[in-house]
Amino acid sequence: MAQLKQVAVSRLATQKAVQSLADSGLFDPLEMTVNQTRLRGLYYLNEKKLRALPADRVKTLLDCGALTLAFAQLFSLSRFRLLEEWAKAGTVPAQLKDLDLNTLFDDKDDLIKF
């Protein structure tokens, strides 16, 4: 039961952080095509807009945990674009062909805590 409560608390904190980023106008639409399928409804955090924020707004984002989420998304986006390139090329690097996903997504705690 305590674990479910922690999930609920973390979810609310994440929703608040995402809303703070959205209220700051930091999200832009992300359009891409994978295997001739156009993906819509995706958004990314615009790093240029983040860098242009006034210091007091950055402090607000820091205080509510939104900057942690923003940096995680920026890091993730760089990896996402790499996956997009592989999909367009129709290839997967050799070192990833034998990758054991169970080791990446095991039962260890991967929650981002605010």
C-alpha atoms as a PDB file:
ATOM      1  CA  MET A   1       0.000   0.000   0.000  1.00  0.00           C
ATOM      2  CA  ALA A   2       2.857   2.371   0.815  1.00  0.00           C
ATOM      3  CA  GLN A   3       4.295   1.750  -2.628  1.00  0.00           C
ATOM      4  CA  LEU A   4       1.027   2.730  -4.309  1.00  0.00           C
ATOM      5  CA  LYS A   5       0.898   5.879  -2.223  1.00  0.00           C
ATOM      6  CA  GLN A   6       4.450   6.759  -3.326  1.00  0.00           C
ATOM      7  CA  VAL A   7       3.483   6.214  -6.974  1.00  0.00           C
ATOM      8  CA  ALA A   8       0.485   8.532  -6.553  1.00  0.00           C
ATOM      9  CA  VAL A   9       2.594  11.206  -4.833  1.00  0.00           C
ATOM     10  CA  SER A  10       5.273  10.944  -7.544  1.00  0.00           C
ATOM     11  CA  ARG A  11       2.649  11.161 -10.272  1.00  0.00           C
ATOM     12  CA  LEU A  12       1.197  14.352  -8.819  1.00  0.00           C
ATOM     13  CA  ALA A  13       4.673  15.877  -8.500  1.00  0.00           C
ATOM     14  CA  THR A  14       5.414  14.959 -12.123  1.00  0.00           C
ATOM     15  CA  GLN A  15       2.125  16.474 -13.308  1.00  0.00           C
ATOM     16  CA  LYS A  16       2.901  19.681 -11.419  1.00  0.00           C
ATOM     17  CA  ALA A  17       6.414  19.840 -12.890  1.00  0.00           C
ATOM     18  CA  VAL A  18       5.164  19.255 -16.450  1.00  0.00           C
ATOM     19  CA  GLN A  19       2.463  21.890 -15.991  1.00  0.00           C
ATOM     20  CA  SER A  20       5.098  24.391 -14.778  1.00  0.00           C
ATOM     21  CA  LEU A  21       7.168  23.711 -17.895  1.00  0.00           C
ATOM     22  CA  ALA A  22       4.090  24.107 -20.099  1.00  0.00           C
ATOM     23  CA  ASP A  23       3.081  27.321 -18.326  1.00  0.00           C
ATOM     24  CA  SER A  24       6.556  28.642 -19.093  1.00  0.00           C
ATOM     25  CA  GLY A  25       5.940  28.031 -22.813  1.00  0.00           C
ATOM     26  CA  LEU A  26       8.809  25.567 -23.165  1.00  0.00           C
ATOM     27  CA  PHE A  27       7.114  22.822 -25.205  1.00  0.00           C
ATOM     28  CA  ASP A  28       7.021  22.746 -28.995  1.00  0.00           C
ATOM     29  CA  PRO A  29       5.347  20.167 -31.259  1.00  0.00           C
ATOM     30  CA  LEU A  30       7.577  17.308 -32.373  1.00  0.00           C
ATOM     31  CA  GLU A  31       6.764  16.021 -35.835  1.00  0.00           C
ATOM     32  CA  MET A  32       8.420  12.992 -37.282  1.00  0.00           C
ATOM     33  CA  THR A  33       7.797  10.086 -39.618  1.00  0.00           C
ATOM     34  CA  VAL A  34       8.829   6.540 -38.796  1.00  0.00           C
ATOM     35  CA  ASN A  35       8.313   3.730 -41.306  1.00  0.00           C
ATOM     36  CA  GLN A  36       6.022   5.952 -43.383  1.00  0.00           C
ATOM     37  CA  THR A  37       3.846   6.671 -40.351  1.00  0.00           C
ATOM     38  CA  ARG A  38       3.570  10.291 -39.333  1.00  0.00           C
ATOM     39  CA  LEU A  39       3.614  10.661 -35.573  1.00  0.00           C
ATOM     40  CA  ARG A  40       1.560  13.517 -34.153  1.00  0.00           C
ATOM     41  CA  GLY A  41       0.690  14.762 -30.712  1.00  0.00           C
ATOM     42  CA  LEU A  42       4.259  14.617 -29.442  1.00  0.00           C
ATOM     43  CA  TYR A  43       6.066  17.542 -27.837  1.00  0.00           C
ATOM     44  CA  TYR A  44       9.624  18.332 -26.885  1.00  0.00           C
ATOM     45  CA  LEU A  45      11.192  20.800 -24.514  1.00  0.00           C
ATOM     46  CA  ASN A  46      12.801  23.651 -26.457  1.00  0.00           C
ATOM     47  CA  GLU A  47      16.240  24.209 -24.931  1.00  0.00           C
ATOM     48  CA  LYS A  48      16.602  27.673 -26.477  1.00  0.00           C
ATOM     49  CA  LYS A  49      13.407  28.795 -24.760  1.00  0.00           C
ATOM     50  CA  LEU A  50      14.630  27.317 -21.479  1.00  0.00           C
ATOM     51  CA  ARG A  51      17.909  29.227 -21.735  1.00  0.00           C
ATOM     52  CA  ALA A  52      16.007  32.459 -22.457  1.00  0.00           C
ATOM     53  CA  LEU A  53      13.880  32.304 -19.302  1.00  0.00           C
ATOM     54  CA  PRO A  54      14.428  34.994 -16.673  1.00  0.00           C
ATOM     55  CA  ALA A  55      16.285  33.875 -13.546  1.00  0.00           C
ATOM     56  CA  ASP A  56      13.228  34.113 -11.293  1.00  0.00           C
ATOM     57  CA  ARG A  57      11.270  31.726 -13.542  1.00  0.00           C
ATOM     58  CA  VAL A  58      14.204  29.291 -13.632  1.00  0.00           C
ATOM     59  CA  LYS A  59      14.277  29.407  -9.825  1.00  0.00           C
ATOM     60  CA  THR A  60      10.558  28.592  -9.731  1.00  0.00           C
ATOM     61  CA  LEU A  61      11.123  25.614 -12.029  1.00  0.00           C
ATOM     62  CA  LEU A  62      14.029  24.486  -9.876  1.00  0.00           C
ATOM     63  CA  ASP A  63      12.001  24.744  -6.686  1.00  0.00           C
ATOM     64  CA  CYS A  64       9.150  22.567  -7.974  1.00  0.00           C
ATOM     65  CA  GLY A  65      11.446  19.929  -9.501  1.00  0.00           C
ATOM     66  CA  ALA A  66      10.633  20.839 -13.085  1.00  0.00           C
ATOM     67  CA  LEU A  67      14.266  21.455 -14.074  1.00  0.00           C
ATOM     68  CA  THR A  68      15.144  17.852 -13.241  1.00  0.00           C
ATOM     69  CA  LEU A  69      12.404  16.711 -15.571  1.00  0.00           C
ATOM     70  CA  ALA A  70      13.472  19.231 -18.235  1.00  0.00           C
ATOM     71  CA  PHE A  71      17.071  18.021 -18.271  1.00  0.00           C
ATOM     72  CA  ALA A  72      15.950  14.387 -18.361  1.00  0.00           C
ATOM     73  CA  GLN A  73      13.772  15.162 -21.371  1.00  0.00           C
ATOM     74  CA  LEU A  74      16.582  17.025 -23.139  1.00  0.00           C
ATOM     75  CA  PHE A  75      18.926  14.086 -22.624  1.00  0.00           C
ATOM     76  CA  SER A  76      16.250  11.664 -23.786  1.00  0.00           C
ATOM     77  CA  LEU A  77      15.530  13.714 -26.902  1.00  0.00           C
ATOM     78  CA  SER A  78      19.127  13.401 -28.090  1.00  0.00           C
ATOM     79  CA  ARG A  79      18.803   9.598 -27.844  1.00  0.00           C
ATOM     80  CA  PHE A  80      15.384   9.733 -29.523  1.00  0.00           C
ATOM     81  CA  ARG A  81      16.837  11.487 -32.555  1.00  0.00           C
ATOM     82  CA  LEU A  82      19.469   8.764 -32.800  1.00  0.00           C
ATOM     83  CA  LEU A  83      16.728   6.119 -32.828  1.00  0.00           C
ATOM     84  CA  GLU A  84      14.966   8.128 -35.527  1.00  0.00           C
ATOM     85  CA  GLU A  85      18.112   8.061 -37.678  1.00  0.00           C
ATOM     86  CA  TRP A  86      18.445   4.296 -37.241  1.00  0.00           C
ATOM     87  CA  ALA A  87      14.797   3.817 -38.202  1.00  0.00           C
ATOM     88  CA  LYS A  88      15.259   5.893 -41.355  1.00  0.00           C
ATOM     89  CA  ALA A  89      18.383   3.945 -42.276  1.00  0.00           C
ATOM     90  CA  GLY A  90      16.698   0.629 -41.490  1.00  0.00           C
ATOM     91  CA  THR A  91      19.684  -0.549 -39.464  1.00  0.00           C
ATOM     92  CA  VAL A  92      20.568  -1.187 -35.853  1.00  0.00           C
ATOM     93  CA  PRO A  93      24.169  -0.881 -34.649  1.00  0.00           C
ATOM     94  CA  ALA A  94      25.816  -4.265 -34.003  1.00  0.00           C
ATOM     95  CA  GLN A  95      26.330  -3.575 -30.282  1.00  0.00           C
ATOM     96  CA  LEU A  96      22.559  -3.188 -29.844  1.00  0.00           C
ATOM     97  CA  LYS A  97      21.504  -6.339 -31.671  1.00  0.00           C
ATOM     98  CA  ASP A  98      22.379  -8.532 -28.686  1.00  0.00           C
ATOM     99  CA  LEU A  99      21.255  -6.057 -26.032  1.00  0.00           C
ATOM    100  CA  ASP A 100      19.409  -7.706 -23.149  1.00  0.00           C
ATOM    101  CA  LEU A 101      16.478  -5.405 -22.420  1.00  0.00           C
ATOM    102  CA  ASN A 102      15.780  -7.264 -19.184  1.00  0.00           C
ATOM    103  CA  THR A 103      18.966  -5.799 -17.742  1.00  0.00           C
ATOM    104  CA  LEU A 104      17.847  -2.308 -18.727  1.00  0.00           C
ATOM    105  CA  PHE A 105      14.308  -2.641 -17.404  1.00  0.00           C
ATOM    106  CA  ASP A 106      14.734  -4.816 -14.344  1.00  0.00           C
ATOM    107  CA  ASP A 107      12.917  -4.418 -11.056  1.00  0.00           C
ATOM    108  CA  LYS A 108      15.271  -1.801  -9.629  1.00  0.00           C
ATOM    109  CA  ASP A 109      13.835   1.577  -8.629  1.00  0.00           C
ATOM    110  CA  ASP A 110      14.004   3.895 -11.628  1.00  0.00           C
ATOM    111  CA  LEU A 111      11.692   6.596 -10.284  1.00  0.00           C
ATOM    112  CA  ILE A 112      12.680  10.222 -10.548  1.00  0.00           C
ATOM    113  CA  LYS A 113      11.958  11.720  -7.161  1.00  0.00           C
ATOM    114  CA  PHE A 114      11.269  15.393  -6.560  1.00  0.00           C
END
